[in-house]
């Protein structure tokens, strides 16, 4: 049975109560939560030393990594942190380098996703020291007096260790029809012509690697992951809506206007803050919500004619 990351970390819960709140206040509280989360890690329920034979002197020369470990398929297992010590001189500087070193040299049972190691595939998204990042391009803090904490993406069902179930995320992505849709038949094998200005509208959108760091950092997505599509999927929906070659703009807007697929966005901004690619999902969603409102107004106006 899959289990949400209920965590070994006792996280402060700031969003119980009123759902619609002032976005500036919510943003401040959310950023405060990042530091509070890291502090809360000091209240860890279980820590297991991988190598209890290490002396204090040996530990002082290495970096401690506290990694979330749990296998829901094993009824005898329980959520915990396992403490590993790594000599940073032996590895490259990124979190993924440390994880692979630990897996290759200390504990082959450690489970994680990874592929490209260049921030392109989005596979190695996880929580590194309180923020959702891509482990392959997020540098390790070299301060040996402070441990590095690594957990799965928050508010997701854990499959094993650092691997989470992405089924809901990819199912939502599929619903936006993330491909070019045309009504006009294509003439021969010619490309669809696009102006330089129209092409620039896609910058900052097509680079998304669907790592889900932004969506899983979004409180609105925590509240309604079954109804609200989340910043990653909505930014990709916007990418196709503003593509001048696509001819299903109104149909896409009509579909997104249903329920709280879009409107549950509270403009908190954690999506843009945490994006490991430096993109701005919050800005895209603001534009998208404006387009939906304009579409609704046009629809009402046409109905009264």
Protein backbone atom coordinates (compact mmCIF):
# COMPACT_ATOMS: atom_id res chain seq x y z
CA UNK A 1 0.00 0.00 0.00
CA UNK A 2 1.29 3.46 -0.90
CA UNK A 3 1.58 6.00 1.87
CA UNK A 4 1.77 9.75 1.69
CA UNK A 5 4.92 11.37 3.02
CA UNK A 6 3.45 12.01 6.45
CA UNK A 7 6.72 12.45 7.51
CA UNK A 8 9.13 11.75 9.80
CA UNK A 9 9.37 15.59 9.71
CA UNK A 10 6.71 17.28 11.78
CA UNK A 11 5.72 20.06 9.41
CA UNK A 12 3.79 23.10 10.65
CA UNK A 13 0.35 23.31 9.03
CA UNK A 14 -0.45 26.90 8.16
CA UNK A 15 -3.34 26.47 5.76
CA UNK A 16 -6.11 24.99 7.91
CA UNK A 17 -9.15 27.21 8.05
CA UNK A 18 -10.08 29.93 5.57
CA UNK A 19 -9.38 28.81 2.04
CA UNK A 20 -9.35 32.15 0.21
CA UNK A 21 -6.81 34.40 1.87
CA UNK A 22 -4.71 37.42 1.03
CA UNK A 23 -2.04 36.23 -1.39
CA UNK A 24 0.72 38.43 0.06
CA UNK A 25 0.06 37.14 3.57
CA UNK A 26 -0.07 33.58 2.27
CA UNK A 27 3.22 34.05 0.44
CA UNK A 28 4.94 35.30 3.58
CA UNK A 29 3.61 32.39 5.59
CA UNK A 30 4.72 29.94 2.94
CA UNK A 31 8.27 31.23 2.80
CA UNK A 32 8.34 31.18 6.61
CA UNK A 33 7.35 27.54 6.33
CA UNK A 34 10.48 26.67 4.37
CA UNK A 35 12.71 27.67 7.29
CA UNK A 36 10.25 26.19 9.78
CA UNK A 37 10.33 22.89 7.91
CA UNK A 38 14.10 22.69 8.10
CA UNK A 39 13.95 23.51 11.81
CA UNK A 40 11.23 20.92 12.24
CA UNK A 41 13.56 18.28 10.89
CA UNK A 42 15.34 18.50 14.22
CA UNK A 43 12.26 16.70 15.61
CA UNK A 44 12.94 13.54 13.64
CA UNK A 45 11.14 10.48 14.94
CA UNK A 46 13.60 7.84 13.77
CA UNK A 47 17.23 8.02 12.68
CA UNK A 48 19.18 4.89 11.85
CA UNK A 49 22.96 5.01 11.53
CA UNK A 50 24.11 3.16 8.45
CA UNK A 51 27.58 2.70 9.90
CA UNK A 52 27.46 2.92 13.71
CA UNK A 53 31.19 2.13 13.90
CA UNK A 54 32.26 5.55 12.63
CA UNK A 55 34.04 7.62 15.27
CA UNK A 56 33.25 11.25 16.03
CA UNK A 57 36.60 12.25 14.52
CA UNK A 58 35.83 10.38 11.28
CA UNK A 59 32.38 11.95 11.10
CA UNK A 60 33.78 15.45 11.57
CA UNK A 61 35.68 15.15 8.28
CA UNK A 62 32.65 14.02 6.26
CA UNK A 63 29.22 15.33 5.28
CA UNK A 64 26.21 13.73 6.92
CA UNK A 65 23.27 12.89 4.66
CA UNK A 66 19.97 12.09 6.34
CA UNK A 67 17.93 10.26 3.70
CA UNK A 68 14.28 9.28 4.00
CA UNK A 69 13.89 5.53 3.72
CA UNK A 70 10.63 3.58 3.65
CA UNK A 71 9.23 0.62 1.74
CA UNK A 72 5.42 0.53 2.05
CA UNK A 73 5.42 -2.97 0.52
CA UNK A 74 7.31 -4.27 3.55
CA UNK A 75 4.88 -4.54 6.46
CA UNK A 76 7.80 -4.63 8.89
CA UNK A 77 9.34 -1.41 7.61
CA UNK A 78 8.58 2.09 8.91
CA UNK A 79 9.42 5.64 7.78
CA UNK A 80 12.81 6.75 9.00
CA UNK A 81 15.94 8.66 8.18
CA UNK A 82 19.11 6.72 7.53
CA UNK A 83 22.32 8.58 8.30
CA UNK A 84 25.18 8.24 5.81
CA UNK A 85 28.56 10.01 5.99
CA UNK A 86 30.32 10.87 2.74
CA UNK A 87 33.75 12.36 2.06
CA UNK A 88 32.90 15.26 -0.26
CA UNK A 89 36.39 15.12 -1.77
CA UNK A 90 35.44 11.81 -3.39
CA UNK A 91 32.34 13.00 -5.25
CA UNK A 92 31.21 15.75 -7.65
CA UNK A 93 29.26 18.65 -6.07
CA UNK A 94 25.58 17.78 -6.63
CA UNK A 95 23.03 16.00 -4.44
CA UNK A 96 22.56 13.30 -7.06
CA UNK A 97 26.31 12.59 -6.99
CA UNK A 98 26.08 11.93 -3.26
CA UNK A 99 23.04 9.69 -3.66
CA UNK A 100 24.68 7.62 -6.38
CA UNK A 101 27.87 7.34 -4.34
CA UNK A 102 25.84 6.09 -1.37
CA UNK A 103 23.93 3.64 -3.55
CA UNK A 104 27.07 2.34 -5.27
CA UNK A 105 29.31 2.14 -2.23
CA UNK A 106 27.20 1.91 0.91
CA UNK A 107 23.66 0.71 0.30
CA UNK A 108 22.44 -0.65 -3.04
CA UNK A 109 18.88 -0.91 -1.71
CA UNK A 110 18.41 2.87 -1.83
CA UNK A 111 15.70 3.70 -4.41
CA UNK A 112 15.56 6.90 -6.45
CA UNK A 113 14.78 8.07 -9.96
CA UNK A 114 17.44 9.59 -12.23
CA UNK A 115 18.45 9.60 -15.86
CA UNK A 116 20.14 12.50 -17.66
CA UNK A 117 22.15 14.11 -14.82
CA UNK A 118 21.85 17.44 -16.67
CA UNK A 119 18.53 18.90 -15.45
CA UNK A 120 16.78 17.90 -18.67
CA UNK A 121 14.72 14.79 -17.91
CA UNK A 122 13.17 15.89 -14.60
CA UNK A 123 13.48 12.41 -13.08
CA UNK A 124 15.47 13.21 -9.95
CA UNK A 125 13.08 15.74 -8.40
CA UNK A 126 13.06 15.49 -4.61
CA UNK A 127 13.18 17.58 -1.46
CA UNK A 128 16.71 18.78 -0.72
CA UNK A 129 17.06 20.61 2.58
CA UNK A 130 13.44 21.75 2.61
CA UNK A 131 13.04 22.78 -1.03
CA UNK A 132 11.93 20.74 -4.02
CA UNK A 133 14.79 20.63 -6.49
CA UNK A 134 16.40 18.50 -9.19
CA UNK A 135 19.11 16.61 -7.33
CA UNK A 136 21.40 16.53 -10.38
CA UNK A 137 21.77 20.33 -10.57
CA UNK A 138 21.38 21.30 -6.92
CA UNK A 139 24.71 21.76 -5.17
CA UNK A 140 25.51 20.25 -1.79
CA UNK A 141 26.10 22.66 1.08
CA UNK A 142 29.75 21.99 1.94
CA UNK A 143 29.39 23.02 5.60
CA UNK A 144 30.32 19.78 7.38
CA UNK A 145 28.74 20.92 10.64
CA UNK A 146 25.27 20.84 9.07
CA UNK A 147 23.59 17.65 7.79
CA UNK A 148 21.93 17.46 4.37
CA UNK A 149 18.33 16.28 4.42
CA UNK A 150 16.86 14.43 1.44
CA UNK A 151 13.20 13.36 1.28
CA UNK A 152 10.69 12.54 -1.49
CA UNK A 153 8.56 15.24 -3.08
CA UNK A 154 6.09 16.36 -0.43
CA UNK A 155 2.39 15.50 -0.32
CA UNK A 156 2.83 12.59 -2.71
CA UNK A 157 2.35 8.86 -2.20
CA UNK A 158 5.67 7.16 -1.58
CA UNK A 159 6.40 4.08 -3.68
CA UNK A 160 9.77 3.44 -2.01
CA UNK A 161 12.36 5.70 -0.43
CA UNK A 162 12.74 8.76 -2.69
CA UNK A 163 10.42 7.45 -5.42
CA UNK A 164 6.87 8.85 -5.46
CA UNK A 165 3.80 7.87 -7.44
CA UNK A 166 3.46 10.31 -10.37
CA UNK A 167 0.30 8.71 -11.81
CA UNK A 168 -2.06 11.55 -10.90
CA UNK A 169 0.37 14.18 -12.16
CA UNK A 170 0.80 12.55 -15.58
CA UNK A 171 -2.93 11.79 -15.85
CA UNK A 172 -3.66 15.48 -15.33
CA UNK A 173 -1.03 16.40 -17.92
CA UNK A 174 -2.72 14.12 -20.44
CA UNK A 175 -6.07 15.91 -19.97
CA UNK A 176 -4.75 19.19 -21.44
CA UNK A 177 -3.95 17.56 -24.81
CA UNK A 178 -0.27 18.61 -24.77
CA UNK A 179 0.23 18.63 -28.52
CA UNK A 180 -0.54 20.80 -31.53
CA UNK A 181 -4.21 20.60 -32.62
CA UNK A 182 -5.32 21.87 -36.01
CA UNK A 183 -8.61 22.34 -37.81
CA UNK A 184 -7.06 23.39 -41.11
CA UNK A 185 -5.63 20.45 -43.08
CA UNK A 186 -1.92 20.61 -43.63
CA UNK A 187 -0.74 21.36 -47.15
CA UNK A 188 1.91 18.90 -48.24
CA UNK A 189 4.98 18.50 -46.04
CA UNK A 190 5.53 22.19 -45.31
CA UNK A 191 6.13 23.38 -41.76
CA UNK A 192 3.58 25.54 -39.97
CA UNK A 193 5.01 29.02 -40.32
CA UNK A 194 5.42 31.06 -37.14
CA UNK A 195 6.70 34.61 -36.77
CA UNK A 196 9.70 35.43 -34.60
CA UNK A 197 7.40 37.35 -32.24
CA UNK A 198 4.97 34.44 -31.89
CA UNK A 199 7.83 32.03 -31.30
CA UNK A 200 9.13 34.20 -28.47
CA UNK A 201 5.85 33.70 -26.62
CA UNK A 202 6.88 30.10 -26.01
CA UNK A 203 10.14 31.03 -24.28
CA UNK A 204 9.98 30.19 -20.60
CA UNK A 205 7.28 27.59 -21.27
CA UNK A 206 8.70 24.86 -23.49
CA UNK A 207 11.72 24.44 -21.20
CA UNK A 208 9.60 22.82 -18.47
CA UNK A 209 10.78 19.24 -17.79
CA UNK A 210 7.65 18.16 -15.86
CA UNK A 211 9.61 17.38 -12.72
CA UNK A 212 6.58 18.38 -10.56
CA UNK A 213 8.73 20.41 -8.15
CA UNK A 214 6.40 23.40 -8.52
CA UNK A 215 3.11 21.50 -8.24
CA UNK A 216 4.19 19.55 -5.18
CA UNK A 217 5.33 22.80 -3.53
CA UNK A 218 1.94 24.45 -4.12
CA UNK A 219 -0.49 24.57 -1.15
CA UNK A 220 -3.46 24.80 -3.51
CA UNK A 221 -2.34 21.53 -5.07
CA UNK A 222 -2.03 20.00 -1.60
CA UNK A 223 -5.64 20.99 -0.92
CA UNK A 224 -7.21 19.66 -4.14
CA UNK A 225 -4.81 17.45 -6.13
CA UNK A 226 -7.83 15.64 -7.57
CA UNK A 227 -9.42 18.82 -9.00
CA UNK A 228 -6.82 21.57 -9.31
CA UNK A 229 -4.35 20.86 -12.12
CA UNK A 230 -1.39 22.55 -10.47
CA UNK A 231 1.19 25.01 -11.84
CA UNK A 232 3.23 22.59 -13.96
CA UNK A 233 0.26 21.26 -15.94
CA UNK A 234 -1.37 24.68 -16.21
CA UNK A 235 1.81 26.28 -17.53
CA UNK A 236 1.91 23.62 -20.23
CA UNK A 237 -1.77 24.19 -21.00
CA UNK A 238 -0.94 27.88 -21.42
CA UNK A 239 2.00 26.95 -23.68
CA UNK A 240 -0.39 25.41 -26.22
CA UNK A 241 -3.01 28.13 -25.88
CA UNK A 242 -0.54 30.88 -26.83
CA UNK A 243 1.02 28.85 -29.64
CA UNK A 244 -0.01 30.66 -32.84
CA UNK A 245 0.01 27.37 -34.78
CA UNK A 246 -2.70 25.79 -32.59
CA UNK A 247 -6.34 26.21 -33.68
CA UNK A 248 -8.19 24.96 -30.59
CA UNK A 249 -7.69 27.96 -28.32
CA UNK A 250 -11.33 28.45 -27.29
CA UNK A 251 -11.88 24.73 -26.80
CA UNK A 252 -8.85 24.57 -24.53
CA UNK A 253 -10.04 27.59 -22.52
CA UNK A 254 -13.54 26.11 -22.23
CA UNK A 255 -12.14 22.89 -20.82
CA UNK A 256 -9.89 24.66 -18.32
CA UNK A 257 -12.74 26.88 -17.11
CA UNK A 258 -14.49 23.85 -15.60
CA UNK A 259 -14.60 23.31 -11.81
CA UNK A 260 -11.45 24.56 -10.03
CA UNK A 261 -8.92 23.31 -12.57
CA UNK A 262 -7.40 26.80 -12.74
CA UNK A 263 -9.19 29.12 -10.33
CA UNK A 264 -7.89 27.38 -7.22
CA UNK A 265 -4.59 29.22 -7.77
CA UNK A 266 -4.11 31.62 -4.86
CA UNK A 267 -1.04 33.40 -6.32
CA UNK A 268 1.17 32.25 -3.46
CA UNK A 269 4.21 32.03 -5.72
CA UNK A 270 6.00 29.00 -4.33
CA UNK A 271 5.87 27.44 -7.81
CA UNK A 272 8.13 30.11 -9.29
CA UNK A 273 10.34 30.23 -6.20
CA UNK A 274 11.11 26.51 -6.27
CA UNK A 275 11.34 25.86 -10.04
CA UNK A 276 14.80 24.31 -10.63
CA UNK A 277 14.79 25.56 -14.23
CA UNK A 278 14.26 29.18 -13.23
CA UNK A 279 10.85 29.40 -14.96
CA UNK A 280 7.89 31.48 -13.79
CA UNK A 281 4.73 29.35 -13.59
CA UNK A 282 2.97 31.98 -11.48
CA UNK A 283 3.28 34.57 -14.27
CA UNK A 284 1.99 32.07 -16.85
CA UNK A 285 -1.00 31.17 -14.68
CA UNK A 286 -1.88 34.84 -14.19
CA UNK A 287 -1.94 35.27 -17.96
CA UNK A 288 -3.94 32.06 -18.34
CA UNK A 289 -6.57 33.15 -15.81
CA UNK A 290 -6.91 36.46 -17.64
CA UNK A 291 -7.44 34.63 -20.95
CA UNK A 292 -10.11 32.44 -19.35
CA UNK A 293 -11.94 35.48 -17.97
CA UNK A 294 -11.83 37.16 -21.38
CA UNK A 295 -13.15 33.98 -22.97
CA UNK A 296 -16.05 33.83 -20.49
CA UNK A 297 -16.90 37.47 -21.20
CA UNK A 298 -16.87 36.84 -24.95
CA UNK A 299 -19.07 33.79 -24.48
CA UNK A 300 -21.61 35.74 -22.43
CA UNK A 301 -21.58 38.63 -24.91
CA UNK A 302 -22.19 36.32 -27.87
CA UNK A 303 -25.04 34.58 -26.03
CA UNK A 304 -26.88 37.91 -25.54
CA UNK A 305 -26.78 38.85 -29.21
